[in-house]
Amino acid sequence: MKADQVEQVRRFNRTVAERVGVLHDHYLAGARPYGQARLLWQIGDGGTHDVRRVRDRLGLDSGYMSRLLRALERDGLVAVEPHPGDRRVRTVRLTEAGRRERALLDDRSDALAASLLAPLDARQRERLTSAMAEVQRLLTASTVSLDVLDPDHPDAAHCLRSYAAELQTLFDGGFDPANSLLPDPGELRAPRGLLVVARLHGEPVGCAGLKLPTGAPAEIKRLWVSPEARGLGLARRLLSTLETRVAGHGCDRVRLDTNKALEAAIGLYRDCGYTEVPAFNDEPYAHHWFEKRLRPGGRIGLSRSDGRS
């Protein structure tokens, strides 16, 4: 990346921090700093929450999360309790006092947002809010992590089930994974292959599998992105990650097959340099077969412990 891009991001961060008031000990003229206020708002998003999931959603380390919770609990705003079904899991919920303070935060946050827009004319407000939406989308995309997981891992299994369930609704005649050419998840496990899972705020939102047969081109399978995560460029990123893996294994070709119903996927493959070729397998759900030439010897970008074709 370019040095001027890094500097622009830093300038943007400084401007936002100043304008939204995160530098003050009493955020929005309240009783607590921004970290506590943000956690209070997140917990208030309905009912009782798994502490670990809240922590993942906010991207906090466990030590800092514990300190924030203790401060809110000390002030009587939250209740932290063991999960009734598993005492190893901690849950958190707002107390009545916590709900009142969260409502006050909402009112003051609306007022702050309005104060940022008030000095601008209608055209400038539209430009600012549109730019903010684009920045939010790109920043969200940058928080997605890619991990190589065993196909039996709960997050991997969730993605593969979701993939099959969506294709069931899209394909003429439905989709049965047992009738596809990849019924055995072991083909997406080393040394025969791998499965990359995408996570957003700790939740699985996409996957892509790679078969690495001996003496044959690598093959991409089970490329899927959750509807909630589409528009972040994740399918393209997953595809590029697998291509890097293929090149790292010294292969110079990668191929895939896909169904005619997946028009967006077909457009993606063509845009990424895949060329349609004659059928190279008997996949019953395939109508199109694609191949791409790669430069062998590329370095892989994932470690195993990192955590729709």
C-alpha atoms as a PDB file:
ATOM      1  CA  MET A   1       0.000   0.000   0.000  1.00  0.00           C
ATOM      2  CA  LYS A   2       1.066   3.597  -0.585  1.00  0.00           C
ATOM      3  CA  ALA A   3       2.428   5.874   2.131  1.00  0.00           C
ATOM      4  CA  ASP A   4      -0.007   8.643   1.216  1.00  0.00           C
ATOM      5  CA  GLN A   5      -2.908   6.215   1.664  1.00  0.00           C
ATOM      6  CA  VAL A   6      -1.713   5.337   5.158  1.00  0.00           C
ATOM      7  CA  GLU A   7      -1.390   9.027   6.008  1.00  0.00           C
ATOM      8  CA  GLN A   8      -4.913   9.742   4.705  1.00  0.00           C
ATOM      9  CA  VAL A   9      -6.349   7.011   6.915  1.00  0.00           C
ATOM     10  CA  ARG A  10      -4.551   8.480   9.923  1.00  0.00           C
ATOM     11  CA  ARG A  11      -5.890  11.983   9.170  1.00  0.00           C
ATOM     12  CA  PHE A  12      -9.394  10.561   8.795  1.00  0.00           C
ATOM     13  CA  ASN A  13      -9.110   8.732  12.123  1.00  0.00           C
ATOM     14  CA  ARG A  14      -7.991  11.883  13.914  1.00  0.00           C
ATOM     15  CA  THR A  15     -10.821  13.946  12.463  1.00  0.00           C
ATOM     16  CA  VAL A  16     -13.466  11.379  13.390  1.00  0.00           C
ATOM     17  CA  ALA A  17     -12.091  10.964  16.930  1.00  0.00           C
ATOM     18  CA  GLU A  18     -12.257  14.725  17.468  1.00  0.00           C
ATOM     19  CA  ARG A  19     -15.718  15.226  15.981  1.00  0.00           C
ATOM     20  CA  VAL A  20     -17.497  12.346  17.734  1.00  0.00           C
ATOM     21  CA  GLY A  21     -15.950  13.090  21.121  1.00  0.00           C
ATOM     22  CA  VAL A  22     -14.091   9.866  21.907  1.00  0.00           C
ATOM     23  CA  LEU A  23     -11.192  11.877  23.349  1.00  0.00           C
ATOM     24  CA  HIS A  24     -13.257  12.990  26.338  1.00  0.00           C
ATOM     25  CA  ASP A  25     -13.524  11.068  29.605  1.00  0.00           C
ATOM     26  CA  HIS A  26     -17.282  11.704  29.651  1.00  0.00           C
ATOM     27  CA  TYR A  27     -18.624  10.634  26.268  1.00  0.00           C
ATOM     28  CA  LEU A  28     -21.677  12.648  25.158  1.00  0.00           C
ATOM     29  CA  ALA A  29     -21.482  14.522  28.484  1.00  0.00           C
ATOM     30  CA  GLY A  30     -22.394  11.305  30.264  1.00  0.00           C
ATOM     31  CA  ALA A  31     -20.881   9.594  33.261  1.00  0.00           C
ATOM     32  CA  ARG A  32     -18.446   7.297  31.457  1.00  0.00           C
ATOM     33  CA  PRO A  33     -15.798   7.138  28.701  1.00  0.00           C
ATOM     34  CA  TYR A  34     -16.511   5.964  25.173  1.00  0.00           C
ATOM     35  CA  GLY A  35     -15.489   2.328  25.721  1.00  0.00           C
ATOM     36  CA  GLN A  36     -18.007   1.800  28.514  1.00  0.00           C
ATOM     37  CA  ALA A  37     -20.721   3.671  26.619  1.00  0.00           C
ATOM     38  CA  ARG A  38     -20.176   1.641  23.454  1.00  0.00           C
ATOM     39  CA  LEU A  39     -20.316  -1.638  25.381  1.00  0.00           C
ATOM     40  CA  LEU A  40     -23.471  -0.527  27.183  1.00  0.00           C
ATOM     41  CA  TRP A  41     -25.115   0.256  23.851  1.00  0.00           C
ATOM     42  CA  GLN A  42     -24.076  -3.103  22.363  1.00  0.00           C
ATOM     43  CA  ILE A  43     -25.376  -5.126  25.315  1.00  0.00           C
ATOM     44  CA  GLY A  44     -28.682  -3.294  25.090  1.00  0.00           C
ATOM     45  CA  ASP A  45     -29.351  -4.787  21.672  1.00  0.00           C
ATOM     46  CA  GLY A  46     -32.058  -7.072  23.078  1.00  0.00           C
ATOM     47  CA  GLY A  47     -32.107  -9.566  25.950  1.00  0.00           C
ATOM     48  CA  THR A  48     -29.241 -11.627  27.360  1.00  0.00           C
ATOM     49  CA  HIS A  49     -25.959 -12.030  25.479  1.00  0.00           C
ATOM     50  CA  ASP A  50     -23.016 -14.403  25.504  1.00  0.00           C
ATOM     51  CA  VAL A  51     -20.094 -12.270  26.756  1.00  0.00           C
ATOM     52  CA  ARG A  52     -17.717 -13.902  24.284  1.00  0.00           C
ATOM     53  CA  ARG A  53     -19.921 -12.991  21.324  1.00  0.00           C
ATOM     54  CA  VAL A  54     -20.242  -9.391  22.478  1.00  0.00           C
ATOM     55  CA  ARG A  55     -16.457  -9.236  22.846  1.00  0.00           C
ATOM     56  CA  ASP A  56     -15.950 -10.657  19.349  1.00  0.00           C
ATOM     57  CA  ARG A  57     -18.486  -8.231  17.900  1.00  0.00           C
ATOM     58  CA  LEU A  58     -16.565  -5.272  19.309  1.00  0.00           C
ATOM     59  CA  GLY A  59     -13.113  -6.723  18.629  1.00  0.00           C
ATOM     60  CA  LEU A  60     -11.973  -6.431  22.261  1.00  0.00           C
ATOM     61  CA  ASP A  61      -9.434  -8.556  24.093  1.00  0.00           C
ATOM     62  CA  SER A  62     -10.712 -10.510  27.081  1.00  0.00           C
ATOM     63  CA  GLY A  63      -8.836  -8.432  29.680  1.00  0.00           C
ATOM     64  CA  TYR A  64     -10.194  -5.089  28.494  1.00  0.00           C
ATOM     65  CA  MET A  65     -13.675  -6.560  28.116  1.00  0.00           C
ATOM     66  CA  SER A  66     -13.567  -7.775  31.719  1.00  0.00           C
ATOM     67  CA  ARG A  67     -12.521  -4.342  32.980  1.00  0.00           C
ATOM     68  CA  LEU A  68     -15.347  -2.642  31.094  1.00  0.00           C
ATOM     69  CA  LEU A  69     -17.889  -5.132  32.402  1.00  0.00           C
ATOM     70  CA  ARG A  70     -16.691  -4.700  35.968  1.00  0.00           C
ATOM     71  CA  ALA A  71     -17.103  -0.936  35.702  1.00  0.00           C
ATOM     72  CA  LEU A  72     -20.637  -1.227  34.344  1.00  0.00           C
ATOM     73  CA  GLU A  73     -21.536  -3.899  36.889  1.00  0.00           C
ATOM     74  CA  ARG A  74     -20.166  -1.762  39.724  1.00  0.00           C
ATOM     75  CA  ASP A  75     -22.465   1.060  38.634  1.00  0.00           C
ATOM     76  CA  GLY A  76     -25.459  -1.269  38.580  1.00  0.00           C
ATOM     77  CA  LEU A  77     -25.980  -1.051  34.822  1.00  0.00           C
ATOM     78  CA  VAL A  78     -25.394  -4.688  33.826  1.00  0.00           C
ATOM     79  CA  ALA A  79     -25.776  -8.135  35.353  1.00  0.00           C
ATOM     80  CA  VAL A  80     -23.125 -10.729  34.501  1.00  0.00           C
ATOM     81  CA  GLU A  81     -24.222 -14.313  35.198  1.00  0.00           C
ATOM     82  CA  PRO A  82     -23.336 -17.883  34.211  1.00  0.00           C
ATOM     83  CA  HIS A  83     -25.348 -19.392  31.379  1.00  0.00           C
ATOM     84  CA  PRO A  84     -28.085 -21.666  32.806  1.00  0.00           C
ATOM     85  CA  GLY A  85     -27.138 -24.448  30.398  1.00  0.00           C
ATOM     86  CA  ASP A  86     -23.359 -24.160  30.689  1.00  0.00           C
ATOM     87  CA  ARG A  87     -21.833 -22.455  33.726  1.00  0.00           C
ATOM     88  CA  ARG A  88     -18.523 -22.043  31.898  1.00  0.00           C
ATOM     89  CA  VAL A  89     -20.216 -19.477  29.650  1.00  0.00           C
ATOM     90  CA  ARG A  90     -20.844 -15.969  30.995  1.00  0.00           C
ATOM     91  CA  THR A  91     -23.859 -13.938  29.940  1.00  0.00           C
ATOM     92  CA  VAL A  92     -24.615 -10.246  30.325  1.00  0.00           C
ATOM     93  CA  ARG A  93     -27.803  -8.200  30.251  1.00  0.00           C
ATOM     94  CA  LEU A  94     -28.824  -4.656  31.069  1.00  0.00           C
ATOM     95  CA  THR A  95     -30.470  -3.822  34.361  1.00  0.00           C
ATOM     96  CA  GLU A  96     -33.341  -1.334  34.514  1.00  0.00           C
ATOM     97  CA  ALA A  97     -30.799   1.400  35.292  1.00  0.00           C
ATOM     98  CA  GLY A  98     -28.733   0.237  32.330  1.00  0.00           C
ATOM     99  CA  ARG A  99     -31.715   0.472  30.001  1.00  0.00           C
ATOM    100  CA  ARG A 100     -32.400   4.009  31.146  1.00  0.00           C
ATOM    101  CA  GLU A 101     -28.798   5.066  30.536  1.00  0.00           C
ATOM    102  CA  ARG A 102     -28.772   3.386  27.135  1.00  0.00           C
ATOM    103  CA  ALA A 103     -31.912   5.285  26.143  1.00  0.00           C
ATOM    104  CA  LEU A 104     -30.171   8.504  27.183  1.00  0.00           C
ATOM    105  CA  LEU A 105     -27.148   7.527  25.075  1.00  0.00           C
ATOM    106  CA  ASP A 106     -29.417   6.983  22.086  1.00  0.00           C
ATOM    107  CA  ASP A 107     -30.956  10.451  22.453  1.00  0.00           C
ATOM    108  CA  ARG A 108     -27.580  12.137  22.808  1.00  0.00           C
ATOM    109  CA  SER A 109     -26.108  10.143  19.901  1.00  0.00           C
ATOM    110  CA  ASP A 110     -28.949  11.348  17.671  1.00  0.00           C
ATOM    111  CA  ALA A 111     -28.253  14.911  18.791  1.00  0.00           C
ATOM    112  CA  LEU A 112     -24.539  14.531  18.020  1.00  0.00           C
ATOM    113  CA  ALA A 113     -25.270  13.163  14.553  1.00  0.00           C
ATOM    114  CA  ALA A 114     -27.647  16.031  13.873  1.00  0.00           C
ATOM    115  CA  SER A 115     -25.005  18.544  15.014  1.00  0.00           C
ATOM    116  CA  LEU A 116     -22.532  17.149  12.486  1.00  0.00           C
ATOM    117  CA  LEU A 117     -25.052  17.585   9.668  1.00  0.00           C
ATOM    118  CA  ALA A 118     -26.546  20.921  10.728  1.00  0.00           C
ATOM    119  CA  PRO A 119     -23.771  23.230   9.378  1.00  0.00           C
ATOM    120  CA  LEU A 120     -23.978  21.614   5.924  1.00  0.00           C
ATOM    121  CA  ASP A 121     -26.396  22.334   3.111  1.00  0.00           C
ATOM    122  CA  ALA A 122     -28.625  19.589   1.666  1.00  0.00           C
ATOM    123  CA  ARG A 123     -26.132  18.640  -1.056  1.00  0.00           C
ATOM    124  CA  GLN A 124     -23.248  18.394   1.417  1.00  0.00           C
ATOM    125  CA  ARG A 125     -25.330  16.277   3.795  1.00  0.00           C
ATOM    126  CA  GLU A 126     -26.080  13.839   0.994  1.00  0.00           C
ATOM    127  CA  ARG A 127     -22.399  13.692   0.045  1.00  0.00           C
ATOM    128  CA  LEU A 128     -21.333  13.132   3.661  1.00  0.00           C
ATOM    129  CA  THR A 129     -23.853  10.402   4.451  1.00  0.00           C
ATOM    130  CA  SER A 130     -23.163   8.619   1.151  1.00  0.00           C
ATOM    131  CA  ALA A 131     -19.429   8.758   1.827  1.00  0.00           C
ATOM    132  CA  MET A 132     -19.993   7.462   5.354  1.00  0.00           C
ATOM    133  CA  ALA A 133     -21.978   4.503   4.014  1.00  0.00           C
ATOM    134  CA  GLU A 134     -19.141   3.635   1.638  1.00  0.00           C
ATOM    135  CA  VAL A 135     -16.514   3.979   4.371  1.00  0.00           C
ATOM    136  CA  GLN A 136     -18.589   1.776   6.676  1.00  0.00           C
ATOM    137  CA  ARG A 137     -18.863  -0.895   3.964  1.00  0.00           C
ATOM    138  CA  LEU A 138     -15.131  -0.887   3.266  1.00  0.00           C
ATOM    139  CA  LEU A 139     -14.151  -0.857   6.940  1.00  0.00           C
ATOM    140  CA  THR A 140     -16.506  -3.787   7.540  1.00  0.00           C
ATOM    141  CA  ALA A 141     -14.848  -5.647   4.671  1.00  0.00           C
ATOM    142  CA  SER A 142     -11.451  -5.044   6.247  1.00  0.00           C
ATOM    143  CA  THR A 143     -12.540  -6.716   9.499  1.00  0.00           C
ATOM    144  CA  VAL A 144     -13.369 -10.064   7.849  1.00  0.00           C
ATOM    145  CA  SER A 145     -10.836 -12.754   8.781  1.00  0.00           C
ATOM    146  CA  LEU A 146     -10.006 -15.820   6.691  1.00  0.00           C
ATOM    147  CA  ASP A 147      -9.005 -19.055   8.447  1.00  0.00           C
ATOM    148  CA  VAL A 148      -8.225 -22.548   7.221  1.00  0.00           C
ATOM    149  CA  LEU A 149     -10.520 -24.869   9.180  1.00  0.00           C
ATOM    150  CA  ASP A 150     -11.266 -28.568   9.258  1.00  0.00           C
ATOM    151  CA  PRO A 151     -14.559 -29.268   7.443  1.00  0.00           C
ATOM    152  CA  ASP A 152     -15.943 -30.696  10.695  1.00  0.00           C
ATOM    153  CA  HIS A 153     -15.314 -27.457  12.617  1.00  0.00           C
ATOM    154  CA  PRO A 154     -18.676 -25.945  13.676  1.00  0.00           C
ATOM    155  CA  ASP A 155     -18.106 -22.762  11.677  1.00  0.00           C
ATOM    156  CA  ALA A 156     -17.101 -24.723   8.575  1.00  0.00           C
ATOM    157  CA  ALA A 157     -20.066 -27.065   8.936  1.00  0.00           C
ATOM    158  CA  HIS A 158     -22.386 -24.070   9.294  1.00  0.00           C
ATOM    159  CA  CYS A 159     -21.134 -22.595   6.024  1.00  0.00           C
ATOM    160  CA  LEU A 160     -21.397 -25.876   4.121  1.00  0.00           C
ATOM    161  CA  ARG A 161     -24.954 -26.430   5.376  1.00  0.00           C
ATOM    162  CA  SER A 162     -25.906 -22.871   4.463  1.00  0.00           C
ATOM    163  CA  TYR A 163     -24.361 -23.320   1.024  1.00  0.00           C
ATOM    164  CA  ALA A 164     -26.441 -26.447   0.389  1.00  0.00           C
ATOM    165  CA  ALA A 165     -29.610 -24.852   1.760  1.00  0.00           C
ATOM    166  CA  GLU A 166     -29.299 -21.846  -0.546  1.00  0.00           C
ATOM    167  CA  LEU A 167     -28.629 -23.946  -3.624  1.00  0.00           C
ATOM    168  CA  GLN A 168     -31.678 -26.036  -2.749  1.00  0.00           C
ATOM    169  CA  THR A 169     -33.798 -22.913  -3.311  1.00  0.00           C
ATOM    170  CA  LEU A 170     -31.942 -21.703  -6.424  1.00  0.00           C
ATOM    171  CA  PHE A 171     -31.450 -24.796  -8.564  1.00  0.00           C
ATOM    172  CA  ASP A 172     -34.140 -26.281 -10.775  1.00  0.00           C
ATOM    173  CA  GLY A 173     -34.984 -29.527  -9.021  1.00  0.00           C
ATOM    174  CA  GLY A 174     -33.150 -28.519  -5.825  1.00  0.00           C
ATOM    175  CA  PHE A 175     -29.702 -29.548  -4.610  1.00  0.00           C
ATOM    176  CA  ASP A 176     -28.598 -32.678  -2.766  1.00  0.00           C
ATOM    177  CA  PRO A 177     -24.942 -32.581  -1.630  1.00  0.00           C
ATOM    178  CA  ALA A 178     -24.850 -36.400  -1.683  1.00  0.00           C
ATOM    179  CA  ASN A 179     -25.390 -36.320  -5.451  1.00  0.00           C
ATOM    180  CA  SER A 180     -22.621 -33.813  -6.055  1.00  0.00           C
ATOM    181  CA  LEU A 181     -19.041 -34.803  -6.835  1.00  0.00           C
ATOM    182  CA  LEU A 182     -17.842 -33.667  -3.406  1.00  0.00           C
ATOM    183  CA  PRO A 183     -19.869 -35.682  -0.886  1.00  0.00           C
ATOM    184  CA  ASP A 184     -16.806 -36.407   1.276  1.00  0.00           C
ATOM    185  CA  PRO A 185     -15.625 -33.412   3.377  1.00  0.00           C
ATOM    186  CA  GLY A 186     -12.295 -35.207   3.663  1.00  0.00           C
ATOM    187  CA  GLU A 187     -11.480 -33.960   0.173  1.00  0.00           C
ATOM    188  CA  LEU A 188     -11.285 -30.478   1.706  1.00  0.00           C
ATOM    189  CA  ARG A 189      -8.818 -31.611   4.354  1.00  0.00           C
ATOM    190  CA  ALA A 190      -5.015 -31.798   4.072  1.00  0.00           C
ATOM    191  CA  PRO A 191      -3.294 -33.239   2.171  1.00  0.00           C
ATOM    192  CA  ARG A 192      -6.085 -33.628  -0.399  1.00  0.00           C
ATOM    193  CA  GLY A 193      -7.352 -30.096  -0.042  1.00  0.00           C
ATOM    194  CA  LEU A 194      -8.401 -27.337   2.366  1.00  0.00           C
ATOM    195  CA  LEU A 195     -11.361 -25.217   3.392  1.00  0.00           C
ATOM    196  CA  VAL A 196     -11.144 -21.478   4.048  1.00  0.00           C
ATOM    197  CA  VAL A 197     -13.818 -19.941   6.279  1.00  0.00           C
ATOM    198  CA  ALA A 198     -14.553 -16.215   6.476  1.00  0.00           C
ATOM    199  CA  ARG A 199     -15.638 -14.698   9.779  1.00  0.00           C
ATOM    200  CA  LEU A 200     -17.140 -11.271  10.457  1.00  0.00           C
ATOM    201  CA  HIS A 201     -17.240 -10.200  14.114  1.00  0.00           C
ATOM    202  CA  GLY A 202     -16.504 -13.805  15.061  1.00  0.00           C
ATOM    203  CA  GLU A 203     -19.421 -15.236  13.047  1.00  0.00           C
ATOM    204  CA  PRO A 204     -18.945 -17.469   9.959  1.00  0.00           C
ATOM    205  CA  VAL A 205     -20.098 -15.646   6.814  1.00  0.00           C
ATOM    206  CA  GLY A 206     -18.474 -17.493   3.927  1.00  0.00           C
ATOM    207  CA  CYS A 207     -16.318 -20.368   2.769  1.00  0.00           C
ATOM    208  CA  ALA A 208     -14.374 -21.704  -0.178  1.00  0.00           C
ATOM    209  CA  GLY A 209     -12.903 -25.151  -0.662  1.00  0.00           C
ATOM    210  CA  LEU A 210      -9.929 -26.328  -2.672  1.00  0.00           C
ATOM    211  CA  LYS A 211      -9.188 -29.805  -3.991  1.00  0.00           C
ATOM    212  CA  LEU A 212      -5.512 -30.574  -4.643  1.00  0.00           C
ATOM    213  CA  PRO A 213      -5.478 -33.835  -6.594  1.00  0.00           C
ATOM    214  CA  THR A 214      -2.110 -35.321  -7.485  1.00  0.00           C
ATOM    215  CA  GLY A 215      -1.202 -34.871 -11.139  1.00  0.00           C
ATOM    216  CA  ALA A 216      -4.265 -32.776 -11.996  1.00  0.00           C
ATOM    217  CA  PRO A 217      -5.277 -29.105 -11.834  1.00  0.00           C
ATOM    218  CA  ALA A 218      -6.514 -27.766  -8.523  1.00  0.00           C
ATOM    219  CA  GLU A 219     -10.272 -27.368  -8.256  1.00  0.00           C
ATOM    220  CA  ILE A 220     -12.312 -24.783  -6.359  1.00  0.00           C
ATOM    221  CA  LYS A 221     -15.466 -26.050  -4.654  1.00  0.00           C
ATOM    222  CA  ARG A 222     -18.158 -24.746  -2.324  1.00  0.00           C
ATOM    223  CA  LEU A 223     -17.555 -21.018  -2.758  1.00  0.00           C
ATOM    224  CA  TRP A 224     -20.299 -19.299  -0.757  1.00  0.00           C
ATOM    225  CA  VAL A 225     -20.916 -15.970   0.979  1.00  0.00           C
ATOM    226  CA  SER A 226     -23.741 -15.303   3.406  1.00  0.00           C
ATOM    227  CA  PRO A 227     -26.383 -12.881   2.064  1.00  0.00           C
ATOM    228  CA  GLU A 228     -25.656 -10.610   5.036  1.00  0.00           C
ATOM    229  CA  ALA A 229     -22.008 -10.273   3.978  1.00  0.00           C
ATOM    230  CA  ARG A 230     -22.489  -9.758   0.267  1.00  0.00           C
ATOM    231  CA  GLY A 231     -21.338  -6.489  -1.229  1.00  0.00           C
ATOM    232  CA  LEU A 232     -18.061  -6.565   0.737  1.00  0.00           C
ATOM    233  CA  GLY A 233     -15.983  -8.120  -2.048  1.00  0.00           C
ATOM    234  CA  LEU A 234     -15.647 -11.294   0.003  1.00  0.00           C
ATOM    235  CA  ALA A 235     -16.237 -13.786  -2.824  1.00  0.00           C
ATOM    236  CA  ARG A 236     -13.451 -12.161  -4.831  1.00  0.00           C
ATOM    237  CA  ARG A 237     -11.162 -12.228  -1.792  1.00  0.00           C
ATOM    238  CA  LEU A 238     -11.869 -15.909  -1.139  1.00  0.00           C
ATOM    239  CA  LEU A 239     -11.201 -16.706  -4.777  1.00  0.00           C
ATOM    240  CA  SER A 240      -7.907 -14.815  -4.736  1.00  0.00           C
ATOM    241  CA  THR A 241      -6.858 -16.536  -1.500  1.00  0.00           C
ATOM    242  CA  LEU A 242      -7.398 -19.976  -3.008  1.00  0.00           C
ATOM    243  CA  GLU A 243      -5.495 -19.000  -6.140  1.00  0.00           C
ATOM    244  CA  THR A 244      -2.565 -17.992  -3.933  1.00  0.00           C
ATOM    245  CA  ARG A 245      -2.769 -21.370  -2.242  1.00  0.00           C
ATOM    246  CA  VAL A 246      -2.789 -23.142  -5.595  1.00  0.00           C
ATOM    247  CA  ALA A 247       0.261 -21.214  -6.807  1.00  0.00           C
ATOM    248  CA  GLY A 248       1.991 -21.931  -3.510  1.00  0.00           C
ATOM    249  CA  HIS A 249       1.593 -25.640  -4.199  1.00  0.00           C
ATOM    250  CA  GLY A 250       3.382 -25.196  -7.530  1.00  0.00           C
ATOM    251  CA  CYS A 251       0.243 -25.677  -9.646  1.00  0.00           C
ATOM    252  CA  ASP A 252      -0.227 -23.586 -12.764  1.00  0.00           C
ATOM    253  CA  ARG A 253      -3.944 -24.189 -13.338  1.00  0.00           C
ATOM    254  CA  VAL A 254      -7.107 -23.956 -11.281  1.00  0.00           C
ATOM    255  CA  ARG A 255     -10.579 -24.847 -12.425  1.00  0.00           C
ATOM    256  CA  LEU A 256     -14.166 -24.929 -11.227  1.00  0.00           C
ATOM    257  CA  ASP A 257     -17.683 -25.775 -12.332  1.00  0.00           C
ATOM    258  CA  THR A 258     -20.904 -23.921 -11.622  1.00  0.00           C
ATOM    259  CA  ASN A 259     -24.634 -23.916 -12.245  1.00  0.00           C
ATOM    260  CA  LYS A 260     -26.432 -21.670 -14.737  1.00  0.00           C
ATOM    261  CA  ALA A 261     -28.590 -20.264 -11.920  1.00  0.00           C
ATOM    262  CA  LEU A 262     -25.557 -18.636 -10.273  1.00  0.00           C
ATOM    263  CA  GLU A 263     -25.310 -15.686 -12.630  1.00  0.00           C
ATOM    264  CA  ALA A 264     -23.425 -13.453 -10.183  1.00  0.00           C
ATOM    265  CA  ALA A 265     -20.819 -16.186  -9.617  1.00  0.00           C
ATOM    266  CA  ILE A 266     -20.400 -16.716 -13.362  1.00  0.00           C
ATOM    267  CA  GLY A 267     -19.839 -12.990 -13.813  1.00  0.00           C
ATOM    268  CA  LEU A 268     -17.268 -13.002 -10.992  1.00  0.00           C
ATOM    269  CA  TYR A 269     -15.283 -15.865 -12.521  1.00  0.00           C
ATOM    270  CA  ARG A 270     -15.150 -14.211 -15.915  1.00  0.00           C
ATOM    271  CA  ASP A 271     -14.159 -10.886 -14.377  1.00  0.00           C
ATOM    272  CA  CYS A 272     -11.348 -12.621 -12.450  1.00  0.00           C
ATOM    273  CA  GLY A 273      -9.819 -14.097 -15.593  1.00  0.00           C
ATOM    274  CA  TYR A 274     -11.474 -17.505 -15.760  1.00  0.00           C
ATOM    275  CA  THR A 275     -12.136 -18.856 -19.243  1.00  0.00           C
ATOM    276  CA  GLU A 276     -14.975 -21.219 -20.068  1.00  0.00           C
ATOM    277  CA  VAL A 277     -13.736 -24.656 -21.161  1.00  0.00           C
ATOM    278  CA  PRO A 278     -15.327 -27.991 -22.140  1.00  0.00           C
ATOM    279  CA  ALA A 279     -16.696 -30.112 -19.313  1.00  0.00           C
ATOM    280  CA  PHE A 280     -13.892 -31.768 -17.320  1.00  0.00           C
ATOM    281  CA  ASN A 281     -16.111 -33.771 -14.963  1.00  0.00           C
ATOM    282  CA  ASP A 282     -19.578 -35.291 -14.653  1.00  0.00           C
ATOM    283  CA  GLU A 283     -20.905 -32.935 -11.976  1.00  0.00           C
ATOM    284  CA  PRO A 284     -24.699 -33.314 -12.288  1.00  0.00           C
ATOM    285  CA  TYR A 285     -25.358 -29.750 -11.141  1.00  0.00           C
ATOM    286  CA  ALA A 286     -22.881 -28.056 -13.485  1.00  0.00           C
ATOM    287  CA  HIS A 287     -23.680 -26.170 -16.692  1.00  0.00           C
ATOM    288  CA  HIS A 288     -20.438 -24.199 -16.994  1.00  0.00           C
ATOM    289  CA  TRP A 289     -16.808 -25.198 -16.521  1.00  0.00           C
ATOM    290  CA  PHE A 290     -14.019 -22.632 -16.079  1.00  0.00           C
ATOM    291  CA  GLU A 291     -10.236 -22.659 -15.920  1.00  0.00           C
ATOM    292  CA  LYS A 292      -7.520 -20.129 -15.139  1.00  0.00           C
ATOM    293  CA  ARG A 293      -3.773 -20.244 -15.705  1.00  0.00           C
ATOM    294  CA  LEU A 294      -1.677 -19.188 -12.714  1.00  0.00           C
ATOM    295  CA  ARG A 295       1.938 -18.314 -12.115  1.00  0.00           C
ATOM    296  CA  PRO A 296       3.336 -21.122  -9.923  1.00  0.00           C
ATOM    297  CA  GLY A 297       5.503 -20.525  -6.881  1.00  0.00           C
ATOM    298  CA  GLY A 298       3.416 -17.873  -5.126  1.00  0.00           C
ATOM    299  CA  ARG A 299       3.567 -17.768  -1.348  1.00  0.00           C
ATOM    300  CA  ILE A 300       0.550 -18.736   0.692  1.00  0.00           C
ATOM    301  CA  GLY A 301      -1.108 -16.056   2.799  1.00  0.00           C
ATOM    302  CA  LEU A 302      -2.706 -18.121   5.576  1.00  0.00           C
ATOM    303  CA  SER A 303      -1.509 -20.374   8.320  1.00  0.00           C
ATOM    304  CA  ARG A 304      -3.614 -23.302   9.434  1.00  0.00           C
ATOM    305  CA  SER A 305      -3.947 -21.802  12.909  1.00  0.00           C
ATOM    306  CA  ASP A 306      -5.163 -18.418  11.639  1.00  0.00           C
ATOM    307  CA  GLY A 307      -8.218 -18.226  12.404  1.00  0.00           C
ATOM    308  CA  ARG A 308     -20.108 -20.493  -4.581  1.00  0.00           C
ATOM    309  CA  SER A 309     -19.044 -22.572  -7.247  1.00  0.00           C
END
